Amino acid sequence: MSKEAYTFENINGKTAYLVGVVDTICDEYLVSACPQYTIVEADLFEIDESQDFNKYIAARLKEYLQSIGGDAGAIEDKINKMKIEFEKETDFKSFQAPGFIMSMYEHMPEYMHGRKGHDAFALFCEGTEYYLGKPIGFYRATKGYDILSKFYIGMIFEVILIEFEGYLLMLSRGTSE
């Protein structure tokens, strides 16, 4: 969906640019380390002080529905009722914290195990930090994220949020098969 960000009415130029950059960094590094039929999709949200992550995600999904001009109907009702539950990861304070890359690497599925996966994740971390600054929070979706399959990837296995100053990066891992 991030490829359509430039068409969204409620997104400024800087954020649309960063959405594209982060999506490209994800494709270049994380997706390249995935086995066949596995994909990681990145999306970036501009945020304020609110910790209501569902608000940001729902707004993006509605923006996407408007941009494609389709009949939102029942899916918009599901978006309005969406309640994804997130658990804060307290082990990680920043990408540069001792062991962060190893810890996230161990939390990722088996495809990340091996030098290629570790290096890809390290390069992803470096790239996103270059553009977005140091991360300030890490969250993992625990329930309710199945609705995202209608917008991002056919079947989502995992959703991770990384909070930056003014931005929220969502990584969805799954398969389109």
Protein backbone atom coordinates (compact mmCIF):
# COMPACT_ATOMS: atom_id res chain seq x y z
CA MET A 1 0.00 0.00 0.00
CA SER A 2 2.89 2.37 0.64
CA LYS A 3 3.43 2.69 -3.11
CA GLU A 4 0.13 4.64 -3.29
CA ALA A 5 1.08 7.11 -0.53
CA TYR A 6 1.68 9.96 -2.96
CA THR A 7 -2.01 9.81 -3.96
CA PHE A 8 -3.34 10.15 -0.42
CA GLU A 9 -4.95 13.50 0.35
CA ASN A 10 -3.97 13.69 4.01
CA ILE A 11 -0.25 13.02 3.71
CA ASN A 12 2.40 15.69 3.28
CA GLY A 13 5.26 15.47 0.78
CA LYS A 14 7.96 14.71 3.34
CA THR A 15 6.00 11.82 4.82
CA ALA A 16 5.10 10.45 1.38
CA TYR A 17 8.81 10.53 0.47
CA LEU A 18 9.79 8.76 3.72
CA VAL A 19 7.08 6.13 3.17
CA GLY A 20 8.67 5.33 -0.19
CA VAL A 21 12.20 5.31 1.20
CA VAL A 22 11.34 2.98 4.07
CA ASP A 23 9.39 0.68 1.74
CA THR A 24 12.43 0.52 -0.57
CA ILE A 25 14.80 -0.19 2.34
CA CYS A 26 12.48 -2.98 3.48
CA ASP A 27 12.30 -4.49 -0.02
CA GLU A 28 16.05 -4.21 -0.55
CA TYR A 29 17.13 -5.77 2.73
CA LEU A 30 14.38 -7.69 4.53
CA VAL A 31 12.50 -9.06 1.55
CA SER A 32 15.75 -10.05 -0.13
CA ALA A 33 16.51 -12.31 2.85
CA CYS A 34 13.08 -13.98 2.79
CA PRO A 35 12.54 -17.45 1.40
CA GLN A 36 10.23 -17.94 -1.56
CA TYR A 37 6.57 -17.01 -0.85
CA THR A 38 7.46 -14.95 2.24
CA ILE A 39 7.34 -11.18 2.24
CA VAL A 40 7.77 -8.28 4.63
CA GLU A 41 5.71 -5.17 3.91
CA ALA A 42 6.59 -1.80 5.47
CA ASP A 43 4.31 1.16 6.03
CA LEU A 44 5.07 4.44 7.77
CA PHE A 45 2.63 6.65 9.64
CA GLU A 46 3.09 10.22 10.81
CA ILE A 47 2.03 10.32 14.48
CA ASP A 48 1.50 12.76 17.33
CA GLU A 49 1.74 12.12 21.08
CA SER A 50 -1.17 9.66 21.04
CA GLN A 51 -0.34 6.01 21.69
CA ASP A 52 -3.53 4.94 19.88
CA PHE A 53 -1.82 3.06 17.07
CA ASN A 54 -5.16 1.75 15.79
CA LYS A 55 -6.15 5.36 15.00
CA TYR A 56 -3.18 5.81 12.65
CA ILE A 57 -3.59 2.44 10.98
CA ALA A 58 -7.35 2.90 10.49
CA ALA A 59 -6.82 6.36 8.97
CA ARG A 60 -4.31 4.91 6.46
CA LEU A 61 -6.62 2.05 5.51
CA LYS A 62 -9.48 4.49 4.89
CA GLU A 63 -7.16 6.77 2.90
CA TYR A 64 -6.19 3.79 0.76
CA LEU A 65 -9.83 2.84 0.14
CA GLN A 66 -10.55 6.40 -1.00
CA SER A 67 -7.52 6.45 -3.30
CA ILE A 68 -8.57 3.31 -5.18
CA GLY A 69 -12.16 4.55 -5.47
CA GLY A 70 -13.64 1.21 -4.52
CA ASP A 71 -16.82 0.58 -2.57
CA ALA A 72 -15.68 0.60 1.05
CA GLY A 73 -18.99 -0.65 2.51
CA ALA A 74 -18.48 -3.59 4.87
CA ILE A 75 -14.69 -3.27 5.05
CA GLU A 76 -14.92 0.32 6.32
CA ASP A 77 -17.22 -0.87 9.11
CA LYS A 78 -14.58 -3.46 10.06
CA ILE A 79 -11.89 -0.75 10.02
CA ASN A 80 -13.99 1.41 12.35
CA LYS A 81 -14.32 -1.51 14.79
CA MET A 82 -10.67 -2.56 14.43
CA LYS A 83 -8.87 -3.14 17.72
CA ILE A 84 -5.39 -4.52 17.24
CA GLU A 85 -3.71 -5.31 20.54
CA PHE A 86 -0.03 -4.46 20.90
CA GLU A 87 2.52 -5.55 23.48
CA LYS A 88 5.47 -3.27 24.17
CA GLU A 89 8.87 -4.93 23.76
CA THR A 90 10.87 -3.68 26.72
CA ASP A 91 14.15 -5.38 25.78
CA PHE A 92 14.90 -2.95 22.97
CA LYS A 93 15.78 0.69 23.55
CA SER A 94 17.37 1.49 20.19
CA PHE A 95 18.83 -0.16 17.14
CA GLN A 96 22.27 0.56 18.57
CA ALA A 97 21.57 -0.92 22.01
CA PRO A 98 23.84 -3.85 22.78
CA GLY A 99 22.29 -6.96 21.37
CA PHE A 100 19.32 -5.28 19.66
CA ILE A 101 20.04 -6.66 16.22
CA MET A 102 20.79 -10.10 17.68
CA SER A 103 17.62 -10.00 19.79
CA MET A 104 15.37 -8.98 16.92
CA TYR A 105 17.15 -11.44 14.69
CA GLU A 106 16.31 -14.20 17.17
CA HIS A 107 12.67 -13.05 17.30
CA MET A 108 12.41 -13.21 13.53
CA PRO A 109 11.56 -16.54 11.92
CA GLU A 110 14.06 -19.11 10.83
CA TYR A 111 14.72 -17.46 7.46
CA MET A 112 16.66 -14.72 9.23
CA HIS A 113 19.01 -17.25 10.76
CA GLY A 114 22.24 -17.24 8.87
CA ARG A 115 24.68 -14.55 7.86
CA LYS A 116 22.56 -13.24 4.98
CA GLY A 117 19.53 -12.69 7.23
CA HIS A 118 21.55 -11.09 10.02
CA ASP A 119 23.32 -8.73 7.62
CA ALA A 120 20.05 -7.84 5.88
CA PHE A 121 18.39 -6.97 9.16
CA ALA A 122 21.41 -4.92 10.29
CA LEU A 123 21.35 -2.93 7.02
CA PHE A 124 17.60 -2.39 7.36
CA CYS A 125 18.13 -1.01 10.89
CA GLU A 126 20.92 1.31 9.74
CA GLY A 127 18.90 2.59 6.79
CA THR A 128 15.72 3.33 8.73
CA GLU A 129 17.69 5.01 11.52
CA TYR A 130 19.45 7.21 8.97
CA TYR A 131 16.13 8.57 7.68
CA LEU A 132 13.93 8.44 10.79
CA GLY A 133 16.34 8.85 13.72
CA LYS A 134 16.68 6.63 16.75
CA PRO A 135 13.71 4.40 17.57
CA ILE A 136 11.97 5.10 20.86
CA GLY A 137 9.60 2.15 21.16
CA PHE A 138 9.04 -1.36 19.86
CA TYR A 139 5.70 -3.17 19.82
CA ARG A 140 4.43 -6.54 18.64
CA ALA A 141 0.80 -7.10 17.61
CA THR A 142 -0.72 -9.90 19.65
CA LYS A 143 -4.36 -9.96 18.45
CA GLY A 144 -6.73 -8.49 15.93
CA TYR A 145 -4.34 -7.83 13.06
CA ASP A 146 -6.02 -10.22 10.59
CA ILE A 147 -7.91 -7.28 8.99
CA LEU A 148 -4.58 -6.01 7.67
CA SER A 149 -4.43 -9.01 5.31
CA LYS A 150 -7.03 -7.32 3.13
CA PHE A 151 -4.62 -4.42 2.53
CA TYR A 152 -1.02 -5.55 2.87
CA ILE A 153 -0.24 -9.24 2.44
CA GLY A 154 -2.58 -12.15 1.76
CA MET A 155 -1.82 -13.88 5.07
CA ILE A 156 -0.03 -12.04 7.87
CA PHE A 157 1.98 -14.01 10.42
CA GLU A 158 3.40 -11.14 12.44
CA VAL A 159 3.15 -7.36 12.83
CA ILE A 160 5.89 -5.30 14.48
CA LEU A 161 5.69 -1.56 15.16
CA ILE A 162 8.77 0.59 15.63
CA GLU A 163 8.13 4.06 17.03
CA PHE A 164 10.30 7.02 16.09
CA GLU A 165 9.97 10.69 16.95
CA GLY A 166 6.91 11.68 14.90
CA TYR A 167 6.64 8.40 12.97
CA LEU A 168 5.46 4.83 13.40
CA LEU A 169 6.91 2.10 11.18
CA MET A 170 4.78 -1.01 10.75
CA LEU A 171 6.38 -4.22 9.47
CA SER A 172 4.02 -6.99 8.41
CA ARG A 173 5.48 -10.40 7.69
CA GLY A 174 3.48 -13.01 5.82
CA THR A 175 2.81 -14.65 2.49
CA SER A 176 0.85 -13.82 -0.60
CA GLU A 177 0.38 -17.51 -1.46
